[in-house]
PDB file of N, CA and C in Angstrom:
ATOM      1  N   MET A   1       0.040  -0.950  -0.322  1.00  0.00           N
ATOM      2  CA  MET A   1      -0.056   0.059   0.202  1.00  0.00           C
ATOM      3  C   MET A   1       1.073   1.190  -0.207  1.00  0.00           C
ATOM      4  N   SER A   2       0.140   2.357  -0.832  1.00  0.00           N
ATOM      5  CA  SER A   2       1.282   3.551  -0.547  1.00  0.00           C
ATOM      6  C   SER A   2       0.471   4.371   0.048  1.00  0.00           C
ATOM      7  N   ALA A   3       1.227   5.387   0.854  1.00  0.00           N
ATOM      8  CA  ALA A   3       1.045   6.426   1.496  1.00  0.00           C
ATOM      9  C   ALA A   3      -0.048   6.833   0.892  1.00  0.00           C
ATOM     10  N   PHE A   4      -0.509   7.169   0.059  1.00  0.00           N
ATOM     11  CA  PHE A   4      -2.114   7.760  -0.488  1.00  0.00           C
ATOM     12  C   PHE A   4      -2.899   6.909  -0.910  1.00  0.00           C
ATOM     13  N   THR A   5      -3.037   5.538  -0.691  1.00  0.00           N
ATOM     14  CA  THR A   5      -4.216   4.893  -0.658  1.00  0.00           C
ATOM     15  C   THR A   5      -4.372   4.538   0.824  1.00  0.00           C
ATOM     16  N   LYS A   6      -2.849   4.658   1.706  1.00  0.00           N
ATOM     17  CA  LYS A   6      -3.082   4.967   3.250  1.00  0.00           C
ATOM     18  C   LYS A   6      -4.354   5.393   4.056  1.00  0.00           C
ATOM     19  N   LEU A   7      -3.551   6.647   3.598  1.00  0.00           N
ATOM     20  CA  LEU A   7      -4.134   7.778   3.517  1.00  0.00           C
ATOM     21  C   LEU A   7      -5.823   8.161   3.795  1.00  0.00           C
ATOM     22  N   LEU A   8      -5.908   8.264   2.255  1.00  0.00           N
ATOM     23  CA  LEU A   8      -7.753   7.091   1.733  1.00  0.00           C
ATOM     24  C   LEU A   8      -8.554   6.347   3.016  1.00  0.00           C
ATOM     25  N   GLY A   9      -7.247   5.409   3.430  1.00  0.00           N
ATOM     26  CA  GLY A   9      -7.972   4.215   4.087  1.00  0.00           C
ATOM     27  C   GLY A   9      -8.241   2.889   3.583  1.00  0.00           C
ATOM     28  N   LEU A  10      -8.080   2.806   2.251  1.00  0.00           N
ATOM     29  CA  LEU A  10      -8.207   1.330   1.620  1.00  0.00           C
ATOM     30  C   LEU A  10      -7.195  -0.005   2.077  1.00  0.00           C
ATOM     31  N   GLU A  11      -8.230  -0.262   1.930  1.00  0.00           N
ATOM     32  CA  GLU A  11      -7.296  -2.157   2.769  1.00  0.00           C
ATOM     33  C   GLU A  11      -7.402  -2.825   2.224  1.00  0.00           C
ATOM     34  N   PHE A  12      -6.120  -3.749   2.013  1.00  0.00           N
ATOM     35  CA  PHE A  12      -6.618  -5.061   1.243  1.00  0.00           C
ATOM     36  C   PHE A  12      -7.625  -5.915   1.793  1.00  0.00           C
ATOM     37  N   GLN A  13      -8.403  -6.550   0.953  1.00  0.00           N
ATOM     38  CA  GLN A  13      -9.236  -7.825   1.283  1.00  0.00           C
ATOM     39  C   GLN A  13      -8.408  -9.221   1.165  1.00  0.00           C
ATOM     40  N   SER A  14      -7.834  -8.555   0.055  1.00  0.00           N
ATOM     41  CA  SER A  14      -7.763 -10.465  -0.954  1.00  0.00           C
ATOM     42  C   SER A  14      -7.035 -10.199  -2.142  1.00  0.00           C
ATOM     43  N   ILE A  15      -6.062 -10.476  -2.492  1.00  0.00           N
ATOM     44  CA  ILE A  15      -5.187 -10.894  -3.752  1.00  0.00           C
ATOM     45  C   ILE A  15      -4.785 -12.019  -4.319  1.00  0.00           C
ATOM     46  N   ASP A  16      -4.874 -12.388  -5.764  1.00  0.00           N
ATOM     47  CA  ASP A  16      -4.848 -13.453  -6.661  1.00  0.00           C
ATOM     48  C   ASP A  16      -4.120 -13.123  -7.468  1.00  0.00           C
ATOM     49  N   LYS A  17      -3.321 -14.146  -8.009  1.00  0.00           N
ATOM     50  CA  LYS A  17      -2.901 -13.814  -9.602  1.00  0.00           C
ATOM     51  C   LYS A  17      -4.585 -13.805 -10.350  1.00  0.00           C
ATOM     52  N   GLY A  18      -4.512 -12.187 -11.249  1.00  0.00           N
ATOM     53  CA  GLY A  18      -5.095 -11.775 -11.554  1.00  0.00           C
ATOM     54  C   GLY A  18      -6.647 -11.025 -11.254  1.00  0.00           C
ATOM     55  N   THR A  19      -6.680 -11.381  -9.638  1.00  0.00           N
ATOM     56  CA  THR A  19      -8.027 -10.394  -9.036  1.00  0.00           C
ATOM     57  C   THR A  19      -7.473  -9.517  -7.914  1.00  0.00           C
ATOM     58  N   CYS A  20      -7.761  -8.782  -7.377  1.00  0.00           N
ATOM     59  CA  CYS A  20      -8.223  -8.151  -6.150  1.00  0.00           C
ATOM     60  C   CYS A  20      -9.150  -7.610  -5.530  1.00  0.00           C
ATOM     61  N   THR A  21      -9.067  -7.686  -4.605  1.00  0.00           N
ATOM     62  CA  THR A  21     -10.175  -6.779  -3.557  1.00  0.00           C
ATOM     63  C   THR A  21      -9.747  -5.993  -2.302  1.00  0.00           C
ATOM     64  N   LEU A  22     -10.316  -5.265  -2.840  1.00  0.00           N
ATOM     65  CA  LEU A  22     -10.109  -3.703  -1.582  1.00  0.00           C
ATOM     66  C   LEU A  22     -11.877  -3.647  -1.130  1.00  0.00           C
ATOM     67  N   SER A  23     -11.732  -2.812   0.498  1.00  0.00           N
ATOM     68  CA  SER A  23     -12.862  -1.885   0.866  1.00  0.00           C
ATOM     69  C   SER A  23     -12.201  -0.938   1.485  1.00  0.00           C
ATOM     70  N   LEU A  24     -13.015  -0.326   1.321  1.00  0.00           N
ATOM     71  CA  LEU A  24     -12.939   1.368   2.051  1.00  0.00           C
ATOM     72  C   LEU A  24     -14.078   2.084   3.221  1.00  0.00           C
ATOM     73  N   ALA A  25     -13.745   2.109   4.139  1.00  0.00           N
ATOM     74  CA  ALA A  25     -14.876   2.507   5.050  1.00  0.00           C
ATOM     75  C   ALA A  25     -15.310   3.684   4.790  1.00  0.00           C
ATOM     76  N   ILE A  26     -16.219   4.307   4.724  1.00  0.00           N
ATOM     77  CA  ILE A  26     -16.619   5.951   4.151  1.00  0.00           C
ATOM     78  C   ILE A  26     -16.297   6.762   5.669  1.00  0.00           C
ATOM     79  N   THR A  27     -15.946   8.119   5.064  1.00  0.00           N
ATOM     80  CA  THR A  27     -15.800   8.928   6.801  1.00  0.00           C
ATOM     81  C   THR A  27     -16.282  10.073   5.764  1.00  0.00           C
ATOM     82  N   GLU A  28     -16.280  11.450   6.364  1.00  0.00           N
ATOM     83  CA  GLU A  28     -16.407  12.759   6.591  1.00  0.00           C
ATOM     84  C   GLU A  28     -15.719  13.070   6.171  1.00  0.00           C
ATOM     85  N   SER A  29     -14.320  12.628   5.542  1.00  0.00           N
ATOM     86  CA  SER A  29     -13.168  13.129   4.824  1.00  0.00           C
ATOM     87  C   SER A  29     -13.246  12.801   3.494  1.00  0.00           C
ATOM     88  N   HIS A  30     -14.130  11.722   2.988  1.00  0.00           N
ATOM     89  CA  HIS A  30     -14.215  11.053   1.875  1.00  0.00           C
ATOM     90  C   HIS A  30     -15.358  11.943   1.149  1.00  0.00           C
ATOM     91  N   PHE A  31     -15.596  12.760   1.905  1.00  0.00           N
ATOM     92  CA  PHE A  31     -17.003  13.668   0.805  1.00  0.00           C
ATOM     93  C   PHE A  31     -17.325  15.006   0.441  1.00  0.00           C
ATOM     94  N   ASN A  32     -17.769  14.805  -0.887  1.00  0.00           N
ATOM     95  CA  ASN A  32     -17.449  16.063  -1.881  1.00  0.00           C
ATOM     96  C   ASN A  32     -18.534  17.552  -0.912  1.00  0.00           C
ATOM     97  N   SER A  33     -18.718  19.251  -1.770  1.00  0.00           N
ATOM     98  CA  SER A  33     -19.440  19.616  -1.238  1.00  0.00           C
ATOM     99  C   SER A  33     -20.893  19.162  -1.213  1.00  0.00           C
ATOM    100  N   THR A  34     -21.519  18.183  -1.527  1.00  0.00           N
ATOM    101  CA  THR A  34     -22.608  18.243  -1.325  1.00  0.00           C
ATOM    102  C   THR A  34     -23.225  16.982  -0.619  1.00  0.00           C
ATOM    103  N   ALA A  35     -22.420  16.762  -0.074  1.00  0.00           N
ATOM    104  CA  ALA A  35     -21.944  15.259   1.541  1.00  0.00           C
ATOM    105  C   ALA A  35     -22.215  13.930   1.037  1.00  0.00           C
ATOM    106  N   ARG A  36     -21.402  13.967  -0.136  1.00  0.00           N
ATOM    107  CA  ARG A  36     -21.730  12.357  -0.848  1.00  0.00           C
ATOM    108  C   ARG A  36     -20.227  12.278  -1.533  1.00  0.00           C
ATOM    109  N   VAL A  37     -19.769  10.872  -1.396  1.00  0.00           N
ATOM    110  CA  VAL A  37     -17.932  10.536  -1.824  1.00  0.00           C
ATOM    111  C   VAL A  37     -17.959  11.594  -2.682  1.00  0.00           C
ATOM    112  N   HIS A  38     -16.254  11.808  -2.583  1.00  0.00           N
ATOM    113  CA  HIS A  38     -15.912  12.474  -3.837  1.00  0.00           C
ATOM    114  C   HIS A  38     -15.640  11.371  -5.231  1.00  0.00           C
ATOM    115  N   GLY A  39     -16.061  11.700  -5.918  1.00  0.00           N
ATOM    116  CA  GLY A  39     -15.913  11.131  -7.970  1.00  0.00           C
ATOM    117  C   GLY A  39     -13.939  10.796  -7.519  1.00  0.00           C
ATOM    118  N   GLY A  40     -13.420  11.436  -7.255  1.00  0.00           N
ATOM    119  CA  GLY A  40     -11.622  10.962  -7.163  1.00  0.00           C
ATOM    120  C   GLY A  40     -11.449   9.852  -6.045  1.00  0.00           C
ATOM    121  N   VAL A  41     -12.309   9.884  -4.529  1.00  0.00           N
ATOM    122  CA  VAL A  41     -12.323   8.629  -4.260  1.00  0.00           C
ATOM    123  C   VAL A  41     -12.542   7.365  -4.655  1.00  0.00           C
ATOM    124  N   ILE A  42     -13.443   7.198  -5.489  1.00  0.00           N
ATOM    125  CA  ILE A  42     -14.427   6.319  -6.510  1.00  0.00           C
ATOM    126  C   ILE A  42     -13.041   5.472  -6.796  1.00  0.00           C
ATOM    127  N   PHE A  43     -12.754   7.351  -7.810  1.00  0.00           N
ATOM    128  CA  PHE A  43     -11.745   6.762  -9.044  1.00  0.00           C
ATOM    129  C   PHE A  43     -10.293   6.268  -8.041  1.00  0.00           C
ATOM    130  N   SER A  44      -9.661   6.347  -7.282  1.00  0.00           N
ATOM    131  CA  SER A  44      -8.616   5.673  -6.471  1.00  0.00           C
ATOM    132  C   SER A  44      -9.614   4.542  -5.754  1.00  0.00           C
ATOM    133  N   LEU A  45      -9.917   4.156  -5.403  1.00  0.00           N
ATOM    134  CA  LEU A  45     -10.308   2.885  -5.420  1.00  0.00           C
ATOM    135  C   LEU A  45     -10.258   1.708  -6.333  1.00  0.00           C
ATOM    136  N   LEU A  46     -11.148   2.199  -7.050  1.00  0.00           N
ATOM    137  CA  LEU A  46     -10.979   1.649  -8.478  1.00  0.00           C
ATOM    138  C   LEU A  46      -9.313   1.440  -9.162  1.00  0.00           C
ATOM    139  N   ASP A  47      -8.532   1.734  -9.156  1.00  0.00           N
ATOM    140  CA  ASP A  47      -7.424   2.763  -9.735  1.00  0.00           C
ATOM    141  C   ASP A  47      -6.518   1.713  -8.832  1.00  0.00           C
ATOM    142  N   SER A  48      -6.082   1.768  -7.955  1.00  0.00           N
ATOM    143  CA  SER A  48      -5.523   0.560  -6.742  1.00  0.00           C
ATOM    144  C   SER A  48      -6.250  -0.742  -6.864  1.00  0.00           C
ATOM    145  N   ALA A  49      -7.746  -1.441  -6.954  1.00  0.00           N
ATOM    146  CA  ALA A  49      -7.684  -2.687  -6.989  1.00  0.00           C
ATOM    147  C   ALA A  49      -7.591  -3.138  -8.487  1.00  0.00           C
ATOM    148  N   MET A  50      -7.580  -2.073  -9.395  1.00  0.00           N
ATOM    149  CA  MET A  50      -7.112  -2.948 -10.295  1.00  0.00           C
ATOM    150  C   MET A  50      -5.913  -2.846 -11.243  1.00  0.00           C
ATOM    151  N   GLY A  51      -4.776  -1.897 -10.197  1.00  0.00           N
ATOM    152  CA  GLY A  51      -3.665  -1.611 -10.898  1.00  0.00           C
ATOM    153  C   GLY A  51      -2.897  -2.823  -9.957  1.00  0.00           C
ATOM    154  N   ALA A  52      -3.531  -3.263  -8.990  1.00  0.00           N
ATOM    155  CA  ALA A  52      -3.184  -4.749  -7.853  1.00  0.00           C
ATOM    156  C   ALA A  52      -3.241  -5.447  -8.768  1.00  0.00           C
ATOM    157  N   ALA A  53      -4.014  -5.489  -9.194  1.00  0.00           N
ATOM    158  CA  ALA A  53      -4.735  -7.144 -10.319  1.00  0.00           C
ATOM    159  C   ALA A  53      -3.904  -7.582 -11.373  1.00  0.00           C
ATOM    160  N   ALA A  54      -3.544  -5.859 -11.803  1.00  0.00           N
ATOM    161  CA  ALA A  54      -2.598  -5.733 -13.447  1.00  0.00           C
ATOM    162  C   ALA A  54      -1.264  -6.605 -12.627  1.00  0.00           C
ATOM    163  N   PHE A  55      -0.535  -6.193 -11.291  1.00  0.00           N
ATOM    164  CA  PHE A  55       0.516  -6.190 -11.097  1.00  0.00           C
ATOM    165  C   PHE A  55       0.540  -7.835 -10.584  1.00  0.00           C
ATOM    166  N   SER A  56      -0.496  -8.589 -10.328  1.00  0.00           N
ATOM    167  CA  SER A  56      -0.062 -10.264  -9.817  1.00  0.00           C
ATOM    168  C   SER A  56      -0.057 -11.085 -11.169  1.00  0.00           C
ATOM    169  N   VAL A  57      -0.183 -10.364 -11.781  1.00  0.00           N
ATOM    170  CA  VAL A  57      -0.081 -11.080 -13.518  1.00  0.00           C
ATOM    171  C   VAL A  57       1.915 -10.736 -14.082  1.00  0.00           C
ATOM    172  N   LEU A  58       2.161  -9.878 -13.440  1.00  0.00           N
ATOM    173  CA  LEU A  58       3.424  -9.027 -14.069  1.00  0.00           C
ATOM    174  C   LEU A  58       4.676 -10.449 -13.768  1.00  0.00           C
ATOM    175  N   GLU A  59       5.569 -10.773 -14.572  1.00  0.00           N
ATOM    176  CA  GLU A  59       6.636 -11.334 -14.411  1.00  0.00           C
ATOM    177  C   GLU A  59       7.675 -10.497 -12.884  1.00  0.00           C
ATOM    178  N   PRO A  60       7.930 -10.948 -12.205  1.00  0.00           N
ATOM    179  CA  PRO A  60       8.806 -10.238 -11.165  1.00  0.00           C
ATOM    180  C   PRO A  60       9.757  -9.181 -11.317  1.00  0.00           C
ATOM    181  N   HIS A  61      10.115  -8.980 -12.730  1.00  0.00           N
ATOM    182  CA  HIS A  61      11.087  -7.635 -13.107  1.00  0.00           C
ATOM    183  C   HIS A  61      10.226  -6.435 -13.669  1.00  0.00           C
ATOM    184  N   GLU A  62       8.878  -6.914 -13.612  1.00  0.00           N
ATOM    185  CA  GLU A  62       7.828  -5.992 -13.997  1.00  0.00           C
ATOM    186  C   GLU A  62       7.444  -5.108 -12.990  1.00  0.00           C
ATOM    187  N   SER A  63       6.941  -3.929 -13.712  1.00  0.00           N
ATOM    188  CA  SER A  63       6.044  -2.692 -13.041  1.00  0.00           C
ATOM    189  C   SER A  63       5.437  -2.406 -13.837  1.00  0.00           C
ATOM    190  N   THR A  64       3.820  -1.468 -12.873  1.00  0.00           N
ATOM    191  CA  THR A  64       2.568  -1.415 -14.398  1.00  0.00           C
ATOM    192  C   THR A  64       2.177   0.229 -14.105  1.00  0.00           C
ATOM    193  N   ALA A  65       1.654   0.557 -14.656  1.00  0.00           N
ATOM    194  CA  ALA A  65       1.143   1.553 -15.229  1.00  0.00           C
ATOM    195  C   ALA A  65      -0.448   1.829 -15.166  1.00  0.00           C
ATOM    196  N   THR A  66      -0.820   2.826 -14.600  1.00  0.00           N
ATOM    197  CA  THR A  66      -2.056   3.472 -15.229  1.00  0.00           C
ATOM    198  C   THR A  66      -1.837   3.710 -16.721  1.00  0.00           C
ATOM    199  N   VAL A  67      -2.729   3.787 -17.816  1.00  0.00           N
ATOM    200  CA  VAL A  67      -2.629   4.607 -19.621  1.00  0.00           C
ATOM    201  C   VAL A  67      -3.675   4.912 -19.610  1.00  0.00           C
ATOM    202  N   GLU A  68      -4.913   4.248 -18.934  1.00  0.00           N
ATOM    203  CA  GLU A  68      -6.397   5.366 -19.611  1.00  0.00           C
ATOM    204  C   GLU A  68      -7.318   4.423 -18.628  1.00  0.00           C
ATOM    205  N   CYS A  69      -8.119   5.001 -18.406  1.00  0.00           N
ATOM    206  CA  CYS A  69      -9.088   3.856 -17.600  1.00  0.00           C
ATOM    207  C   CYS A  69     -10.766   4.559 -18.039  1.00  0.00           C
ATOM    208  N   LYS A  70     -11.407   4.107 -17.806  1.00  0.00           N
ATOM    209  CA  LYS A  70     -13.087   4.844 -18.340  1.00  0.00           C
ATOM    210  C   LYS A  70     -13.804   4.034 -17.235  1.00  0.00           C
ATOM    211  N   ILE A  71     -14.817   5.080 -16.078  1.00  0.00           N
ATOM    212  CA  ILE A  71     -15.061   4.743 -15.707  1.00  0.00           C
ATOM    213  C   ILE A  71     -16.675   5.227 -15.944  1.00  0.00           C
ATOM    214  N   ASN A  72     -17.397   4.636 -15.333  1.00  0.00           N
ATOM    215  CA  ASN A  72     -19.361   4.748 -15.207  1.00  0.00           C
ATOM    216  C   ASN A  72     -19.529   4.562 -14.058  1.00  0.00           C
ATOM    217  N   TYR A  73     -20.488   5.676 -13.274  1.00  0.00           N
ATOM    218  CA  TYR A  73     -20.705   6.577 -11.765  1.00  0.00           C
ATOM    219  C   TYR A  73     -22.308   5.948 -12.186  1.00  0.00           C
ATOM    220  N   THR A  74     -22.149   4.614 -11.052  1.00  0.00           N
ATOM    221  CA  THR A  74     -23.993   4.564 -12.030  1.00  0.00           C
ATOM    222  C   THR A  74     -24.912   4.615 -10.277  1.00  0.00           C
ATOM    223  N   ARG A  75     -23.724   5.191  -8.476  1.00  0.00           N
ATOM    224  CA  ARG A  75     -25.007   5.176  -7.183  1.00  0.00           C
ATOM    225  C   ARG A  75     -24.303   6.533  -6.803  1.00  0.00           C
ATOM    226  N   ALA A  76     -25.067   7.001  -6.368  1.00  0.00           N
ATOM    227  CA  ALA A  76     -24.471   7.865  -5.197  1.00  0.00           C
ATOM    228  C   ALA A  76     -23.640   7.468  -4.112  1.00  0.00           C
ATOM    229  N   VAL A  77     -22.582   8.354  -2.953  1.00  0.00           N
ATOM    230  CA  VAL A  77     -22.670   6.577  -1.544  1.00  0.00           C
ATOM    231  C   VAL A  77     -22.903   8.099  -0.903  1.00  0.00           C
ATOM    232  N   THR A  78     -23.182   7.639   0.499  1.00  0.00           N
ATOM    233  CA  THR A  78     -23.486   8.556   1.360  1.00  0.00           C
ATOM    234  C   THR A  78     -22.890   8.395   2.608  1.00  0.00           C
ATOM    235  N   GLY A  79     -22.206   6.817   2.912  1.00  0.00           N
ATOM    236  CA  GLY A  79     -21.644   6.462   4.173  1.00  0.00           C
ATOM    237  C   GLY A  79     -21.323   4.653   4.054  1.00  0.00           C
ATOM    238  N   GLY A  80     -21.376   4.183   5.474  1.00  0.00           N
ATOM    239  CA  GLY A  80     -21.225   2.881   4.758  1.00  0.00           C
ATOM    240  C   GLY A  80     -20.027   2.428   4.034  1.00  0.00           C
ATOM    241  N   GLU A  81     -19.880   0.975   3.798  1.00  0.00           N
ATOM    242  CA  GLU A  81     -18.869   0.842   3.136  1.00  0.00           C
ATOM    243  C   GLU A  81     -18.728   0.159   2.298  1.00  0.00           C
ATOM    244  N   LEU A  82     -17.952  -0.100   1.674  1.00  0.00           N
ATOM    245  CA  LEU A  82     -17.608   0.214  -0.543  1.00  0.00           C
ATOM    246  C   LEU A  82     -17.026  -1.115  -0.347  1.00  0.00           C
ATOM    247  N   ARG A  83     -16.717  -1.916  -1.567  1.00  0.00           N
ATOM    248  CA  ARG A  83     -16.217  -3.146  -1.953  1.00  0.00           C
ATOM    249  C   ARG A  83     -15.485  -2.889  -3.391  1.00  0.00           C
ATOM    250  N   CYS A  84     -14.452  -3.079  -3.054  1.00  0.00           N
ATOM    251  CA  CYS A  84     -13.992  -2.997  -4.924  1.00  0.00           C
ATOM    252  C   CYS A  84     -13.296  -4.346  -5.041  1.00  0.00           C
ATOM    253  N   VAL A  85     -13.289  -4.953  -6.744  1.00  0.00           N
ATOM    254  CA  VAL A  85     -12.861  -6.216  -7.212  1.00  0.00           C
ATOM    255  C   VAL A  85     -11.904  -5.385  -8.234  1.00  0.00           C
ATOM    256  N   GLY A  86     -10.963  -5.764  -8.425  1.00  0.00           N
ATOM    257  CA  GLY A  86     -10.635  -5.528  -9.932  1.00  0.00           C
ATOM    258  C   GLY A  86     -10.203  -7.343 -10.238  1.00  0.00           C
ATOM    259  N   LYS A  87     -10.395  -7.076 -11.813  1.00  0.00           N
ATOM    260  CA  LYS A  87     -10.227  -8.619 -12.254  1.00  0.00           C
ATOM    261  C   LYS A  87      -9.584  -8.422 -14.077  1.00  0.00           C
ATOM    262  N   VAL A  88      -8.423  -9.384 -13.897  1.00  0.00           N
ATOM    263  CA  VAL A  88      -7.906  -9.222 -15.390  1.00  0.00           C
ATOM    264  C   VAL A  88      -8.634  -9.564 -16.352  1.00  0.00           C
ATOM    265  N   VAL A  89      -8.609  -8.783 -17.423  1.00  0.00           N
ATOM    266  CA  VAL A  89      -9.710  -9.212 -18.868  1.00  0.00           C
ATOM    267  C   VAL A  89      -8.597 -10.015 -19.381  1.00  0.00           C
ATOM    268  N   HIS A  90      -7.173  -9.358 -20.161  1.00  0.00           N
ATOM    269  CA  HIS A  90      -6.480  -9.700 -20.546  1.00  0.00           C
ATOM    270  C   HIS A  90      -4.938  -9.315 -20.233  1.00  0.00           C
ATOM    271  N   ALA A  91      -4.628 -10.026 -20.510  1.00  0.00           N
ATOM    272  CA  ALA A  91      -2.645 -10.062 -19.887  1.00  0.00           C
ATOM    273  C   ALA A  91      -2.319 -10.141 -21.635  1.00  0.00           C
ATOM    274  N   GLY A  92      -1.365  -8.729 -21.875  1.00  0.00           N
ATOM    275  CA  GLY A  92      -0.935  -9.470 -23.514  1.00  0.00           C
ATOM    276  C   GLY A  92       0.453  -8.883 -22.515  1.00  0.00           C
ATOM    277  N   THR A  93       1.430  -8.734 -23.824  1.00  0.00           N
ATOM    278  CA  THR A  93       2.348  -8.385 -23.895  1.00  0.00           C
ATOM    279  C   THR A  93       3.264  -6.998 -23.368  1.00  0.00           C
ATOM    280  N   ARG A  94       2.388  -6.361 -23.621  1.00  0.00           N
ATOM    281  CA  ARG A  94       2.792  -4.197 -23.588  1.00  0.00           C
ATOM    282  C   ARG A  94       1.913  -4.197 -22.012  1.00  0.00           C
ATOM    283  N   THR A  95       0.360  -4.271 -22.582  1.00  0.00           N
ATOM    284  CA  THR A  95      -0.662  -3.572 -21.801  1.00  0.00           C
ATOM    285  C   THR A  95      -1.529  -4.517 -20.850  1.00  0.00           C
ATOM    286  N   VAL A  96      -1.814  -4.867 -20.098  1.00  0.00           N
ATOM    287  CA  VAL A  96      -2.806  -5.311 -19.490  1.00  0.00           C
ATOM    288  C   VAL A  96      -4.374  -4.997 -19.156  1.00  0.00           C
ATOM    289  N   VAL A  97      -5.295  -5.710 -19.401  1.00  0.00           N
ATOM    290  CA  VAL A  97      -6.712  -4.595 -19.430  1.00  0.00           C
ATOM    291  C   VAL A  97      -7.272  -5.058 -18.423  1.00  0.00           C
ATOM    292  N   VAL A  98      -8.018  -4.078 -17.206  1.00  0.00           N
ATOM    293  CA  VAL A  98      -8.373  -5.263 -16.296  1.00  0.00           C
ATOM    294  C   VAL A  98      -9.727  -4.190 -15.714  1.00  0.00           C
ATOM    295  N   ASP A  99     -11.170  -5.261 -16.072  1.00  0.00           N
ATOM    296  CA  ASP A  99     -12.691  -4.921 -14.703  1.00  0.00           C
ATOM    297  C   ASP A  99     -12.541  -4.456 -13.744  1.00  0.00           C
ATOM    298  N   GLY A 100     -12.766  -3.505 -12.897  1.00  0.00           N
ATOM    299  CA  GLY A 100     -12.991  -2.996 -11.957  1.00  0.00           C
ATOM    300  C   GLY A 100     -14.393  -2.563 -11.656  1.00  0.00           C
ATOM    301  N   GLU A 101     -15.142  -3.013 -11.086  1.00  0.00           N
ATOM    302  CA  GLU A 101     -16.378  -2.778  -9.999  1.00  0.00           C
ATOM    303  C   GLU A 101     -16.266  -2.402  -8.995  1.00  0.00           C
ATOM    304  N   ILE A 102     -17.018  -0.792  -8.271  1.00  0.00           N
ATOM    305  CA  ILE A 102     -17.676  -0.783  -6.871  1.00  0.00           C
ATOM    306  C   ILE A 102     -18.805  -1.523  -6.354  1.00  0.00           C
ATOM    307  N   TRP A 103     -19.000  -2.196  -5.464  1.00  0.00           N
ATOM    308  CA  TRP A 103     -20.154  -2.486  -4.800  1.00  0.00           C
ATOM    309  C   TRP A 103     -20.495  -2.053  -3.317  1.00  0.00           C
ATOM    310  N   GLN A 104     -21.823  -1.925  -3.204  1.00  0.00           N
ATOM    311  CA  GLN A 104     -22.522  -1.263  -1.708  1.00  0.00           C
ATOM    312  C   GLN A 104     -23.748  -2.029  -1.303  1.00  0.00           C
ATOM    313  N   ASP A 105     -24.014  -2.972  -0.732  1.00  0.00           N
ATOM    314  CA  ASP A 105     -24.979  -3.645  -0.371  1.00  0.00           C
ATOM    315  C   ASP A 105     -25.670  -3.944  -1.395  1.00  0.00           C
ATOM    316  N   GLY A 106     -25.409  -4.507  -2.067  1.00  0.00           N
ATOM    317  CA  GLY A 106     -25.580  -5.200  -4.112  1.00  0.00           C
ATOM    318  C   GLY A 106     -26.329  -4.363  -4.766  1.00  0.00           C
ATOM    319  N   ALA A 107     -25.768  -3.518  -4.331  1.00  0.00           N
ATOM    320  CA  ALA A 107     -26.084  -2.285  -5.694  1.00  0.00           C
ATOM    321  C   ALA A 107     -24.515  -1.564  -6.250  1.00  0.00           C
ATOM    322  N   LEU A 108     -24.585  -1.440  -7.525  1.00  0.00           N
ATOM    323  CA  LEU A 108     -22.732  -1.117  -7.872  1.00  0.00           C
ATOM    324  C   LEU A 108     -23.310   0.130  -8.182  1.00  0.00           C
ATOM    325  N   VAL A 109     -22.104   0.890  -7.319  1.00  0.00           N
ATOM    326  CA  VAL A 109     -21.477   1.774  -6.954  1.00  0.00           C
ATOM    327  C   VAL A 109     -20.900   2.529  -8.770  1.00  0.00           C
ATOM    328  N   ALA A 110     -20.052   1.991  -9.570  1.00  0.00           N
ATOM    329  CA  ALA A 110     -18.904   2.532 -10.291  1.00  0.00           C
ATOM    330  C   ALA A 110     -18.416   1.409 -10.873  1.00  0.00           C
ATOM    331  N   LYS A 111     -18.555   1.309 -12.055  1.00  0.00           N
ATOM    332  CA  LYS A 111     -17.679   0.273 -13.264  1.00  0.00           C
ATOM    333  C   LYS A 111     -16.670   0.619 -14.244  1.00  0.00           C
ATOM    334  N   ALA A 112     -15.890  -0.123 -14.258  1.00  0.00           N
ATOM    335  CA  ALA A 112     -14.497   1.023 -15.096  1.00  0.00           C
ATOM    336  C   ALA A 112     -13.957  -0.304 -16.023  1.00  0.00           C
ATOM    337  N   LEU A 113     -13.343  -0.067 -16.751  1.00  0.00           N
ATOM    338  CA  LEU A 113     -12.542  -0.856 -18.249  1.00  0.00           C
ATOM    339  C   LEU A 113     -10.850   0.437 -17.816  1.00  0.00           C
ATOM    340  N   GLY A 114      -9.873  -0.556 -17.667  1.00  0.00           N
ATOM    341  CA  GLY A 114      -8.463  -0.115 -17.623  1.00  0.00           C
ATOM    342  C   GLY A 114      -7.717  -0.617 -18.159  1.00  0.00           C
ATOM    343  N   THR A 115      -6.569   0.071 -18.820  1.00  0.00           N
ATOM    344  CA  THR A 115      -5.558  -0.015 -19.402  1.00  0.00           C
ATOM    345  C   THR A 115      -4.335   0.130 -18.498  1.00  0.00           C
ATOM    346  N   PHE A 116      -3.425  -1.232 -18.178  1.00  0.00           N
ATOM    347  CA  PHE A 116      -2.411  -0.692 -17.538  1.00  0.00           C
ATOM    348  C   PHE A 116      -0.861  -0.902 -18.589  1.00  0.00           C
ATOM    349  N   ALA A 117       0.393   0.050 -18.752  1.00  0.00           N
ATOM    350  CA  ALA A 117       1.276  -1.205 -19.005  1.00  0.00           C
ATOM    351  C   ALA A 117       1.671  -1.567 -18.309  1.00  0.00           C
ATOM    352  N   ARG A 118       2.904  -2.707 -18.920  1.00  0.00           N
ATOM    353  CA  ARG A 118       3.943  -3.298 -17.982  1.00  0.00           C
ATOM    354  C   ARG A 118       5.458  -3.133 -18.698  1.00  0.00           C
ATOM    355  N   ILE A 119       5.925  -2.698 -17.611  1.00  0.00           N
ATOM    356  CA  ILE A 119       6.693  -1.542 -17.591  1.00  0.00           C
ATOM    357  C   ILE A 119       8.231  -2.510 -16.889  1.00  0.00           C
TER     358      ILE A 119
END
């Protein structure tokens, strides 16, 4: 975990080859000016889970970086806990494509598809 992800309060739940699950307990520090969780917090949760999933399929000498990410925000969050799962869809020789979802109480909060470089 980086200092940034620790600052946000992200917690690893599990990591296996090609998949990673993180959680986040929402606090007031995650809110925007309308008392909803800031979209950047949602993106950071997705990017972290998807990046860890991508990292899990790399060779020991490789690292990764986000190249692009498309997100659909489907539900506003005002509290509680979020669960995020990142799953590798395709691991190529130069990039890794990863799917991400955030869920809260059985409802989809956000869906993403990202591309990560193999460095």
